[in-house]
Amino acid sequence: PLEALFVFPLPADAAVCHFSAKIGEQE
């Protein structure tokens, strides 16, 4: 098993309006 770390860039003036993650059947 892993504790995974994901690093990703966004535009400096961007606004995040939704985030979700799904593993198997669980969202």
mmCIF file of all heavy atoms, coordinates in Angstrom:
data_MODEL
# 
_entry.id   MODEL 
# 
loop_
_atom_site.group_PDB 
_atom_site.id 
_atom_site.type_symbol 
_atom_site.label_atom_id 
_atom_site.label_alt_id 
_atom_site.label_comp_id 
_atom_site.label_asym_id 
_atom_site.label_entity_id 
_atom_site.label_seq_id 
_atom_site.pdbx_PDB_ins_code 
_atom_site.Cartn_x 
_atom_site.Cartn_y 
_atom_site.Cartn_z 
_atom_site.occupancy 
_atom_site.B_iso_or_equiv 
_atom_site.pdbx_formal_charge 
_atom_site.auth_seq_id 
_atom_site.auth_comp_id 
_atom_site.auth_asym_id 
_atom_site.auth_atom_id 
_atom_site.pdbx_PDB_model_num 
ATOM 1   N N   . PRO A 1 1  ? 0.843   -1.208 0.000   1.00 0.00 ? 1  PRO A N   1 
ATOM 2   C CA  . PRO A 1 1  ? 0.000   0.000  0.000   1.00 0.00 ? 1  PRO A CA  1 
ATOM 3   C C   . PRO A 1 1  ? 0.874   1.253  0.000   1.00 0.00 ? 1  PRO A C   1 
ATOM 4   O O   . PRO A 1 1  ? 1.985   1.252  0.531   1.00 0.00 ? 1  PRO A O   1 
ATOM 5   C CB  . PRO A 1 1  ? -0.794  -0.107 1.308   1.00 0.00 ? 1  PRO A CB  1 
ATOM 6   C CG  . PRO A 1 1  ? -0.709  -1.545 1.687   1.00 0.00 ? 1  PRO A CG  1 
ATOM 7   C CD  . PRO A 1 1  ? 0.617   -2.045 1.193   1.00 0.00 ? 1  PRO A CD  1 
ATOM 8   N N   . LEU A 1 2  ? 0.371   2.326  -0.622  1.00 0.00 ? 2  LEU A N   1 
ATOM 9   C CA  . LEU A 1 2  ? 1.123   3.571  -0.721  1.00 0.00 ? 2  LEU A CA  1 
ATOM 10  C C   . LEU A 1 2  ? 0.337   4.737  -0.145  1.00 0.00 ? 2  LEU A C   1 
ATOM 11  O O   . LEU A 1 2  ? -0.880  4.804  -0.305  1.00 0.00 ? 2  LEU A O   1 
ATOM 12  C CB  . LEU A 1 2  ? 1.430   3.896  -2.184  1.00 0.00 ? 2  LEU A CB  1 
ATOM 13  C CG  . LEU A 1 2  ? 2.433   3.033  -2.939  1.00 0.00 ? 2  LEU A CG  1 
ATOM 14  C CD1 . LEU A 1 2  ? 2.495   3.490  -4.394  1.00 0.00 ? 2  LEU A CD1 1 
ATOM 15  C CD2 . LEU A 1 2  ? 3.805   3.125  -2.301  1.00 0.00 ? 2  LEU A CD2 1 
ATOM 16  N N   . GLU A 1 3  ? 1.037   5.642  0.533   1.00 0.00 ? 3  GLU A N   1 
ATOM 17  C CA  . GLU A 1 3  ? 0.450   6.964  0.785   1.00 0.00 ? 3  GLU A CA  1 
ATOM 18  C C   . GLU A 1 3  ? 0.989   7.858  -0.328  1.00 0.00 ? 3  GLU A C   1 
ATOM 19  O O   . GLU A 1 3  ? 2.145   8.281  -0.303  1.00 0.00 ? 3  GLU A O   1 
ATOM 20  C CB  . GLU A 1 3  ? 0.830   7.523  2.159   1.00 0.00 ? 3  GLU A CB  1 
ATOM 21  C CG  . GLU A 1 3  ? 0.137   8.875  2.384   1.00 0.00 ? 3  GLU A CG  1 
ATOM 22  C CD  . GLU A 1 3  ? 0.501   9.546  3.698   1.00 0.00 ? 3  GLU A CD  1 
ATOM 23  O OE1 . GLU A 1 3  ? 1.244   8.940  4.490   1.00 0.00 ? 3  GLU A OE1 1 
ATOM 24  O OE2 . GLU A 1 3  ? 0.040   10.672 3.918   1.00 0.00 ? 3  GLU A OE2 1 
ATOM 25  N N   . ALA A 1 4  ? 0.177   8.084  -1.336  1.00 0.00 ? 4  ALA A N   1 
ATOM 26  C CA  . ALA A 1 4  ? 0.639   8.765  -2.547  1.00 0.00 ? 4  ALA A CA  1 
ATOM 27  C C   . ALA A 1 4  ? 0.506   10.273 -2.409  1.00 0.00 ? 4  ALA A C   1 
ATOM 28  O O   . ALA A 1 4  ? -0.462  10.776 -1.841  1.00 0.00 ? 4  ALA A O   1 
ATOM 29  C CB  . ALA A 1 4  ? -0.160  8.273  -3.745  1.00 0.00 ? 4  ALA A CB  1 
ATOM 30  N N   . LEU A 1 5  ? 1.491   10.977 -2.942  1.00 0.00 ? 5  LEU A N   1 
ATOM 31  C CA  . LEU A 1 5  ? 1.493   12.441 -2.974  1.00 0.00 ? 5  LEU A CA  1 
ATOM 32  C C   . LEU A 1 5  ? 1.541   12.896 -4.430  1.00 0.00 ? 5  LEU A C   1 
ATOM 33  O O   . LEU A 1 5  ? 2.423   12.494 -5.177  1.00 0.00 ? 5  LEU A O   1 
ATOM 34  C CB  . LEU A 1 5  ? 2.702   12.996 -2.214  1.00 0.00 ? 5  LEU A CB  1 
ATOM 35  C CG  . LEU A 1 5  ? 2.859   14.516 -2.218  1.00 0.00 ? 5  LEU A CG  1 
ATOM 36  C CD1 . LEU A 1 5  ? 1.748   15.173 -1.414  1.00 0.00 ? 5  LEU A CD1 1 
ATOM 37  C CD2 . LEU A 1 5  ? 4.215   14.923 -1.666  1.00 0.00 ? 5  LEU A CD2 1 
ATOM 38  N N   . PHE A 1 6  ? 0.572   13.701 -4.814  1.00 0.00 ? 6  PHE A N   1 
ATOM 39  C CA  . PHE A 1 6  ? 0.482   14.186 -6.186  1.00 0.00 ? 6  PHE A CA  1 
ATOM 40  C C   . PHE A 1 6  ? 0.657   15.701 -6.164  1.00 0.00 ? 6  PHE A C   1 
ATOM 41  O O   . PHE A 1 6  ? -0.043  16.398 -5.439  1.00 0.00 ? 6  PHE A O   1 
ATOM 42  C CB  . PHE A 1 6  ? -0.881  13.800 -6.766  1.00 0.00 ? 6  PHE A CB  1 
ATOM 43  C CG  . PHE A 1 6  ? -1.173  14.356 -8.133  1.00 0.00 ? 6  PHE A CG  1 
ATOM 44  C CD1 . PHE A 1 6  ? -0.243  14.271 -9.138  1.00 0.00 ? 6  PHE A CD1 1 
ATOM 45  C CD2 . PHE A 1 6  ? -2.395  14.945 -8.400  1.00 0.00 ? 6  PHE A CD2 1 
ATOM 46  C CE1 . PHE A 1 6  ? -0.513  14.771 -10.407 1.00 0.00 ? 6  PHE A CE1 1 
ATOM 47  C CE2 . PHE A 1 6  ? -2.674  15.450 -9.659  1.00 0.00 ? 6  PHE A CE2 1 
ATOM 48  C CZ  . PHE A 1 6  ? -1.730  15.362 -10.665 1.00 0.00 ? 6  PHE A CZ  1 
ATOM 49  N N   . VAL A 1 7  ? 1.619   16.222 -6.931  1.00 0.00 ? 7  VAL A N   1 
ATOM 50  C CA  . VAL A 1 7  ? 1.900   17.658 -6.978  1.00 0.00 ? 7  VAL A CA  1 
ATOM 51  C C   . VAL A 1 7  ? 1.581   18.161 -8.375  1.00 0.00 ? 7  VAL A C   1 
ATOM 52  O O   . VAL A 1 7  ? 2.077   17.610 -9.355  1.00 0.00 ? 7  VAL A O   1 
ATOM 53  C CB  . VAL A 1 7  ? 3.383   17.935 -6.646  1.00 0.00 ? 7  VAL A CB  1 
ATOM 54  C CG1 . VAL A 1 7  ? 3.661   19.435 -6.658  1.00 0.00 ? 7  VAL A CG1 1 
ATOM 55  C CG2 . VAL A 1 7  ? 3.753   17.331 -5.296  1.00 0.00 ? 7  VAL A CG2 1 
ATOM 56  N N   . PHE A 1 8  ? 0.746   19.180 -8.480  1.00 0.00 ? 8  PHE A N   1 
ATOM 57  C CA  . PHE A 1 8  ? 0.428   19.674 -9.824  1.00 0.00 ? 8  PHE A CA  1 
ATOM 58  C C   . PHE A 1 8  ? 0.273   21.190 -9.841  1.00 0.00 ? 8  PHE A C   1 
ATOM 59  O O   . PHE A 1 8  ? -0.174  21.792 -8.870  1.00 0.00 ? 8  PHE A O   1 
ATOM 60  C CB  . PHE A 1 8  ? -0.827  18.996 -10.397 1.00 0.00 ? 8  PHE A CB  1 
ATOM 61  C CG  . PHE A 1 8  ? -2.071  19.193 -9.595  1.00 0.00 ? 8  PHE A CG  1 
ATOM 62  C CD1 . PHE A 1 8  ? -3.028  20.110 -9.979  1.00 0.00 ? 8  PHE A CD1 1 
ATOM 63  C CD2 . PHE A 1 8  ? -2.320  18.435 -8.463  1.00 0.00 ? 8  PHE A CD2 1 
ATOM 64  C CE1 . PHE A 1 8  ? -4.197  20.286 -9.248  1.00 0.00 ? 8  PHE A CE1 1 
ATOM 65  C CE2 . PHE A 1 8  ? -3.462  18.607 -7.718  1.00 0.00 ? 8  PHE A CE2 1 
ATOM 66  C CZ  . PHE A 1 8  ? -4.405  19.522 -8.113  1.00 0.00 ? 8  PHE A CZ  1 
ATOM 67  N N   . PRO A 1 9  ? 0.684   21.808 -10.964 1.00 0.00 ? 9  PRO A N   1 
ATOM 68  C CA  . PRO A 1 9  ? 0.676   23.269 -11.082 1.00 0.00 ? 9  PRO A CA  1 
ATOM 69  C C   . PRO A 1 9  ? -0.649  23.790 -11.619 1.00 0.00 ? 9  PRO A C   1 
ATOM 70  O O   . PRO A 1 9  ? -1.322  23.129 -12.394 1.00 0.00 ? 9  PRO A O   1 
ATOM 71  C CB  . PRO A 1 9  ? 1.797   23.535 -12.096 1.00 0.00 ? 9  PRO A CB  1 
ATOM 72  C CG  . PRO A 1 9  ? 1.791   22.311 -12.964 1.00 0.00 ? 9  PRO A CG  1 
ATOM 73  C CD  . PRO A 1 9  ? 1.334   21.160 -12.114 1.00 0.00 ? 9  PRO A CD  1 
ATOM 74  N N   . LEU A 1 10 ? -1.010  24.984 -11.178 1.00 0.00 ? 10 LEU A N   1 
ATOM 75  C CA  . LEU A 1 10 ? -2.186  25.689 -11.675 1.00 0.00 ? 10 LEU A CA  1 
ATOM 76  C C   . LEU A 1 10 ? -1.782  27.111 -12.044 1.00 0.00 ? 10 LEU A C   1 
ATOM 77  O O   . LEU A 1 10 ? -0.808  27.629 -11.493 1.00 0.00 ? 10 LEU A O   1 
ATOM 78  C CB  . LEU A 1 10 ? -3.267  25.763 -10.594 1.00 0.00 ? 10 LEU A CB  1 
ATOM 79  C CG  . LEU A 1 10 ? -4.046  24.505 -10.260 1.00 0.00 ? 10 LEU A CG  1 
ATOM 80  C CD1 . LEU A 1 10 ? -4.947  24.764 -9.057  1.00 0.00 ? 10 LEU A CD1 1 
ATOM 81  C CD2 . LEU A 1 10 ? -4.888  24.071 -11.444 1.00 0.00 ? 10 LEU A CD2 1 
ATOM 82  N N   . PRO A 1 11 ? -2.512  27.768 -12.950 1.00 0.00 ? 11 PRO A N   1 
ATOM 83  C CA  . PRO A 1 11 ? -2.243  29.192 -13.178 1.00 0.00 ? 11 PRO A CA  1 
ATOM 84  C C   . PRO A 1 11 ? -2.366  29.964 -11.871 1.00 0.00 ? 11 PRO A C   1 
ATOM 85  O O   . PRO A 1 11 ? -3.221  29.654 -11.026 1.00 0.00 ? 11 PRO A O   1 
ATOM 86  C CB  . PRO A 1 11 ? -3.336  29.605 -14.169 1.00 0.00 ? 11 PRO A CB  1 
ATOM 87  C CG  . PRO A 1 11 ? -3.752  28.326 -14.836 1.00 0.00 ? 11 PRO A CG  1 
ATOM 88  C CD  . PRO A 1 11 ? -3.593  27.260 -13.803 1.00 0.00 ? 11 PRO A CD  1 
ATOM 89  N N   . ALA A 1 12 ? -1.498  30.980 -11.689 1.00 0.00 ? 12 ALA A N   1 
ATOM 90  C CA  . ALA A 1 12 ? -1.450  31.702 -10.412 1.00 0.00 ? 12 ALA A CA  1 
ATOM 91  C C   . ALA A 1 12 ? -2.789  32.348 -10.066 1.00 0.00 ? 12 ALA A C   1 
ATOM 92  O O   . ALA A 1 12 ? -3.138  32.482 -8.893  1.00 0.00 ? 12 ALA A O   1 
ATOM 93  C CB  . ALA A 1 12 ? -0.342  32.754 -10.469 1.00 0.00 ? 12 ALA A CB  1 
ATOM 94  N N   . ASP A 1 13 ? -3.571  32.747 -11.089 1.00 0.00 ? 13 ASP A N   1 
ATOM 95  C CA  . ASP A 1 13 ? -4.838  33.442 -10.823 1.00 0.00 ? 13 ASP A CA  1 
ATOM 96  C C   . ASP A 1 13 ? -6.043  32.516 -10.986 1.00 0.00 ? 13 ASP A C   1 
ATOM 97  O O   . ASP A 1 13 ? -7.175  32.987 -11.090 1.00 0.00 ? 13 ASP A O   1 
ATOM 98  C CB  . ASP A 1 13 ? -4.979  34.659 -11.730 1.00 0.00 ? 13 ASP A CB  1 
ATOM 99  C CG  . ASP A 1 13 ? -4.878  34.300 -13.212 1.00 0.00 ? 13 ASP A CG  1 
ATOM 100 O OD1 . ASP A 1 13 ? -4.569  33.126 -13.513 1.00 0.00 ? 13 ASP A OD1 1 
ATOM 101 O OD2 . ASP A 1 13 ? -5.125  35.178 -14.058 1.00 0.00 ? 13 ASP A OD2 1 
ATOM 102 N N   . ALA A 1 14 ? -5.809  31.205 -11.020 1.00 0.00 ? 14 ALA A N   1 
ATOM 103 C CA  . ALA A 1 14 ? -6.921  30.266 -11.187 1.00 0.00 ? 14 ALA A CA  1 
ATOM 104 C C   . ALA A 1 14 ? -7.692  30.096 -9.884  1.00 0.00 ? 14 ALA A C   1 
ATOM 105 O O   . ALA A 1 14 ? -7.137  30.235 -8.797  1.00 0.00 ? 14 ALA A O   1 
ATOM 106 C CB  . ALA A 1 14 ? -6.399  28.906 -11.656 1.00 0.00 ? 14 ALA A CB  1 
ATOM 107 N N   . ALA A 1 15 ? -8.982  29.796 -10.000 1.00 0.00 ? 15 ALA A N   1 
ATOM 108 C CA  . ALA A 1 15 ? -9.820  29.492 -8.841  1.00 0.00 ? 15 ALA A CA  1 
ATOM 109 C C   . ALA A 1 15 ? -10.343 28.070 -8.989  1.00 0.00 ? 15 ALA A C   1 
ATOM 110 O O   . ALA A 1 15 ? -11.023 27.745 -9.968  1.00 0.00 ? 15 ALA A O   1 
ATOM 111 C CB  . ALA A 1 15 ? -10.989 30.480 -8.750  1.00 0.00 ? 15 ALA A CB  1 
ATOM 112 N N   . VAL A 1 16 ? -10.006 27.204 -8.021  1.00 0.00 ? 16 VAL A N   1 
ATOM 113 C CA  . VAL A 1 16 ? -10.500 25.824 -8.033  1.00 0.00 ? 16 VAL A CA  1 
ATOM 114 C C   . VAL A 1 16 ? -11.954 25.834 -7.573  1.00 0.00 ? 16 VAL A C   1 
ATOM 115 O O   . VAL A 1 16 ? -12.272 26.368 -6.514  1.00 0.00 ? 16 VAL A O   1 
ATOM 116 C CB  . VAL A 1 16 ? -9.654  24.926 -7.107  1.00 0.00 ? 16 VAL A CB  1 
ATOM 117 C CG1 . VAL A 1 16 ? -10.222 23.515 -7.054  1.00 0.00 ? 16 VAL A CG1 1 
ATOM 118 C CG2 . VAL A 1 16 ? -8.206  24.882 -7.584  1.00 0.00 ? 16 VAL A CG2 1 
ATOM 119 N N   . CYS A 1 17 ? -12.858 25.261 -8.394  1.00 0.00 ? 17 CYS A N   1 
ATOM 120 C CA  . CYS A 1 17 ? -14.275 25.279 -8.026  1.00 0.00 ? 17 CYS A CA  1 
ATOM 121 C C   . CYS A 1 17 ? -14.848 23.876 -7.812  1.00 0.00 ? 17 CYS A C   1 
ATOM 122 O O   . CYS A 1 17 ? -15.996 23.744 -7.395  1.00 0.00 ? 17 CYS A O   1 
ATOM 123 C CB  . CYS A 1 17 ? -15.095 26.045 -9.062  1.00 0.00 ? 17 CYS A CB  1 
ATOM 124 S SG  . CYS A 1 17 ? -14.804 25.544 -10.761 1.00 0.00 ? 17 CYS A SG  1 
ATOM 125 N N   . HIS A 1 18 ? -14.075 22.823 -8.097  1.00 0.00 ? 18 HIS A N   1 
ATOM 126 C CA  . HIS A 1 18 ? -14.529 21.468 -7.798  1.00 0.00 ? 18 HIS A CA  1 
ATOM 127 C C   . HIS A 1 18 ? -13.315 20.563 -7.687  1.00 0.00 ? 18 HIS A C   1 
ATOM 128 O O   . HIS A 1 18 ? -12.361 20.693 -8.452  1.00 0.00 ? 18 HIS A O   1 
ATOM 129 C CB  . HIS A 1 18 ? -15.448 20.926 -8.898  1.00 0.00 ? 18 HIS A CB  1 
ATOM 130 C CG  . HIS A 1 18 ? -15.763 19.455 -8.737  1.00 0.00 ? 18 HIS A CG  1 
ATOM 131 N ND1 . HIS A 1 18 ? -16.790 18.999 -7.941  1.00 0.00 ? 18 HIS A ND1 1 
ATOM 132 C CD2 . HIS A 1 18 ? -15.153 18.345 -9.245  1.00 0.00 ? 18 HIS A CD2 1 
ATOM 133 C CE1 . HIS A 1 18 ? -16.816 17.661 -7.982  1.00 0.00 ? 18 HIS A CE1 1 
ATOM 134 N NE2 . HIS A 1 18 ? -15.829 17.244 -8.762  1.00 0.00 ? 18 HIS A NE2 1 
ATOM 135 N N   . PHE A 1 19 ? -13.373 19.655 -6.713  1.00 0.00 ? 19 PHE A N   1 
ATOM 136 C CA  . PHE A 1 19 ? -12.346 18.619 -6.619  1.00 0.00 ? 19 PHE A CA  1 
ATOM 137 C C   . PHE A 1 19 ? -12.982 17.346 -6.092  1.00 0.00 ? 19 PHE A C   1 
ATOM 138 O O   . PHE A 1 19 ? -13.729 17.373 -5.117  1.00 0.00 ? 19 PHE A O   1 
ATOM 139 C CB  . PHE A 1 19 ? -11.204 19.041 -5.686  1.00 0.00 ? 19 PHE A CB  1 
ATOM 140 C CG  . PHE A 1 19 ? -10.200 17.942 -5.512  1.00 0.00 ? 19 PHE A CG  1 
ATOM 141 C CD1 . PHE A 1 19 ? -9.238  17.707 -6.475  1.00 0.00 ? 19 PHE A CD1 1 
ATOM 142 C CD2 . PHE A 1 19 ? -10.262 17.102 -4.431  1.00 0.00 ? 19 PHE A CD2 1 
ATOM 143 C CE1 . PHE A 1 19 ? -8.352  16.664 -6.350  1.00 0.00 ? 19 PHE A CE1 1 
ATOM 144 C CE2 . PHE A 1 19 ? -9.382  16.053 -4.295  1.00 0.00 ? 19 PHE A CE2 1 
ATOM 145 C CZ  . PHE A 1 19 ? -8.411  15.832 -5.254  1.00 0.00 ? 19 PHE A CZ  1 
ATOM 146 N N   . SER A 1 20 ? -12.706 16.226 -6.748  1.00 0.00 ? 20 SER A N   1 
ATOM 147 C CA  . SER A 1 20 ? -13.205 14.942 -6.259  1.00 0.00 ? 20 SER A CA  1 
ATOM 148 C C   . SER A 1 20 ? -12.209 13.853 -6.602  1.00 0.00 ? 20 SER A C   1 
ATOM 149 O O   . SER A 1 20 ? -11.359 14.013 -7.485  1.00 0.00 ? 20 SER A O   1 
ATOM 150 C CB  . SER A 1 20 ? -14.587 14.613 -6.858  1.00 0.00 ? 20 SER A CB  1 
ATOM 151 O OG  . SER A 1 20 ? -14.502 14.523 -8.267  1.00 0.00 ? 20 SER A OG  1 
ATOM 152 N N   . ALA A 1 21 ? -12.287 12.749 -5.885  1.00 0.00 ? 21 ALA A N   1 
ATOM 153 C CA  . ALA A 1 21 ? -11.402 11.611 -6.131  1.00 0.00 ? 21 ALA A CA  1 
ATOM 154 C C   . ALA A 1 21 ? -12.195 10.336 -5.926  1.00 0.00 ? 21 ALA A C   1 
ATOM 155 O O   . ALA A 1 21 ? -13.047 10.256 -5.041  1.00 0.00 ? 21 ALA A O   1 
ATOM 156 C CB  . ALA A 1 21 ? -10.212 11.656 -5.179  1.00 0.00 ? 21 ALA A CB  1 
ATOM 157 N N   . LYS A 1 22 ? -11.930 9.354  -6.765  1.00 0.00 ? 22 LYS A N   1 
ATOM 158 C CA  . LYS A 1 22 ? -12.663 8.094  -6.690  1.00 0.00 ? 22 LYS A CA  1 
ATOM 159 C C   . LYS A 1 22 ? -11.682 6.936  -6.620  1.00 0.00 ? 22 LYS A C   1 
ATOM 160 O O   . LYS A 1 22 ? -10.797 6.817  -7.462  1.00 0.00 ? 22 LYS A O   1 
ATOM 161 C CB  . LYS A 1 22 ? -13.580 7.940  -7.915  1.00 0.00 ? 22 LYS A CB  1 
ATOM 162 C CG  . LYS A 1 22 ? -14.534 6.752  -7.807  1.00 0.00 ? 22 LYS A CG  1 
ATOM 163 C CD  . LYS A 1 22 ? -15.557 6.777  -8.942  1.00 0.00 ? 22 LYS A CD  1 
ATOM 164 C CE  . LYS A 1 22 ? -16.568 5.642  -8.788  1.00 0.00 ? 22 LYS A CE  1 
ATOM 165 N NZ  . LYS A 1 22 ? -17.578 5.661  -9.853  1.00 0.00 ? 22 LYS A NZ  1 
ATOM 166 N N   . ILE A 1 23 ? -11.830 6.106  -5.586  1.00 0.00 ? 23 ILE A N   1 
ATOM 167 C CA  . ILE A 1 23 ? -11.043 4.876  -5.464  1.00 0.00 ? 23 ILE A CA  1 
ATOM 168 C C   . ILE A 1 23 ? -12.030 3.722  -5.432  1.00 0.00 ? 23 ILE A C   1 
ATOM 169 O O   . ILE A 1 23 ? -12.890 3.657  -4.553  1.00 0.00 ? 23 ILE A O   1 
ATOM 170 C CB  . ILE A 1 23 ? -10.182 4.872  -4.189  1.00 0.00 ? 23 ILE A CB  1 
ATOM 171 C CG1 . ILE A 1 23 ? -9.060  5.894  -4.314  1.00 0.00 ? 23 ILE A CG1 1 
ATOM 172 C CG2 . ILE A 1 23 ? -9.586  3.495  -3.954  1.00 0.00 ? 23 ILE A CG2 1 
ATOM 173 C CD1 . ILE A 1 23 ? -8.081  5.867  -3.171  1.00 0.00 ? 23 ILE A CD1 1 
ATOM 174 N N   . GLY A 1 24 ? -11.915 2.822  -6.422  1.00 0.00 ? 24 GLY A N   1 
ATOM 175 C CA  . GLY A 1 24 ? -12.890 1.736  -6.513  1.00 0.00 ? 24 GLY A CA  1 
ATOM 176 C C   . GLY A 1 24 ? -14.280 2.314  -6.708  1.00 0.00 ? 24 GLY A C   1 
ATOM 177 O O   . GLY A 1 24 ? -14.518 3.105  -7.610  1.00 0.00 ? 24 GLY A O   1 
ATOM 178 N N   . GLU A 1 25 ? -15.204 1.933  -5.834  1.00 0.00 ? 25 GLU A N   1 
ATOM 179 C CA  . GLU A 1 25 ? -16.581 2.435  -5.923  1.00 0.00 ? 25 GLU A CA  1 
ATOM 180 C C   . GLU A 1 25 ? -16.815 3.645  -5.029  1.00 0.00 ? 25 GLU A C   1 
ATOM 181 O O   . GLU A 1 25 ? -17.899 4.207  -5.016  1.00 0.00 ? 25 GLU A O   1 
ATOM 182 C CB  . GLU A 1 25 ? -17.575 1.312  -5.541  1.00 0.00 ? 25 GLU A CB  1 
ATOM 183 C CG  . GLU A 1 25 ? -17.553 0.128  -6.491  1.00 0.00 ? 25 GLU A CG  1 
ATOM 184 C CD  . GLU A 1 25 ? -17.810 0.544  -7.932  1.00 0.00 ? 25 GLU A CD  1 
ATOM 185 O OE1 . GLU A 1 25 ? -18.806 1.237  -8.179  1.00 0.00 ? 25 GLU A OE1 1 
ATOM 186 O OE2 . GLU A 1 25 ? -16.988 0.188  -8.805  1.00 0.00 ? 25 GLU A OE2 1 
ATOM 187 N N   . GLN A 1 26 ? -15.805 4.039  -4.272  1.00 0.00 ? 26 GLN A N   1 
ATOM 188 C CA  . GLN A 1 26 ? -15.978 5.136  -3.318  1.00 0.00 ? 26 GLN A CA  1 
ATOM 189 C C   . GLN A 1 26 ? -15.529 6.458  -3.928  1.00 0.00 ? 26 GLN A C   1 
ATOM 190 O O   . GLN A 1 26 ? -14.414 6.562  -4.450  1.00 0.00 ? 26 GLN A O   1 
ATOM 191 C CB  . GLN A 1 26 ? -15.166 4.871  -2.043  1.00 0.00 ? 26 GLN A CB  1 
ATOM 192 C CG  . GLN A 1 26 ? -15.385 5.932  -0.966  1.00 0.00 ? 26 GLN A CG  1 
ATOM 193 C CD  . GLN A 1 26 ? -14.545 5.670  0.271   1.00 0.00 ? 26 GLN A CD  1 
ATOM 194 O OE1 . GLN A 1 26 ? -13.480 5.067  0.193   1.00 0.00 ? 26 GLN A OE1 1 
ATOM 195 N NE2 . GLN A 1 26 ? -15.021 6.123  1.418   1.00 0.00 ? 26 GLN A NE2 1 
ATOM 196 N N   . GLU A 1 27 ? -16.412 7.462  -3.876  1.00 0.00 ? 27 GLU A N   1 
ATOM 197 C CA  . GLU A 1 27 ? -16.061 8.788  -4.386  1.00 0.00 ? 27 GLU A CA  1 
ATOM 198 C C   . GLU A 1 27 ? -16.045 9.786  -3.239  1.00 0.00 ? 27 GLU A C   1 
ATOM 199 O O   . GLU A 1 27 ? -16.921 9.792  -2.383  1.00 0.00 ? 27 GLU A O   1 
ATOM 200 C CB  . GLU A 1 27 ? -17.040 9.252  -5.460  1.00 0.00 ? 27 GLU A CB  1 
ATOM 201 C CG  . GLU A 1 27 ? -16.631 10.585 -6.075  1.00 0.00 ? 27 GLU A CG  1 
ATOM 202 C CD  . GLU A 1 27 ? -17.512 10.997 -7.249  1.00 0.00 ? 27 GLU A CD  1 
ATOM 203 O OE1 . GLU A 1 27 ? -18.681 10.577 -7.286  1.00 0.00 ? 27 GLU A OE1 1 
ATOM 204 O OE2 . GLU A 1 27 ? -17.019 11.746 -8.105  1.00 0.00 ? 27 GLU A OE2 1 
# 
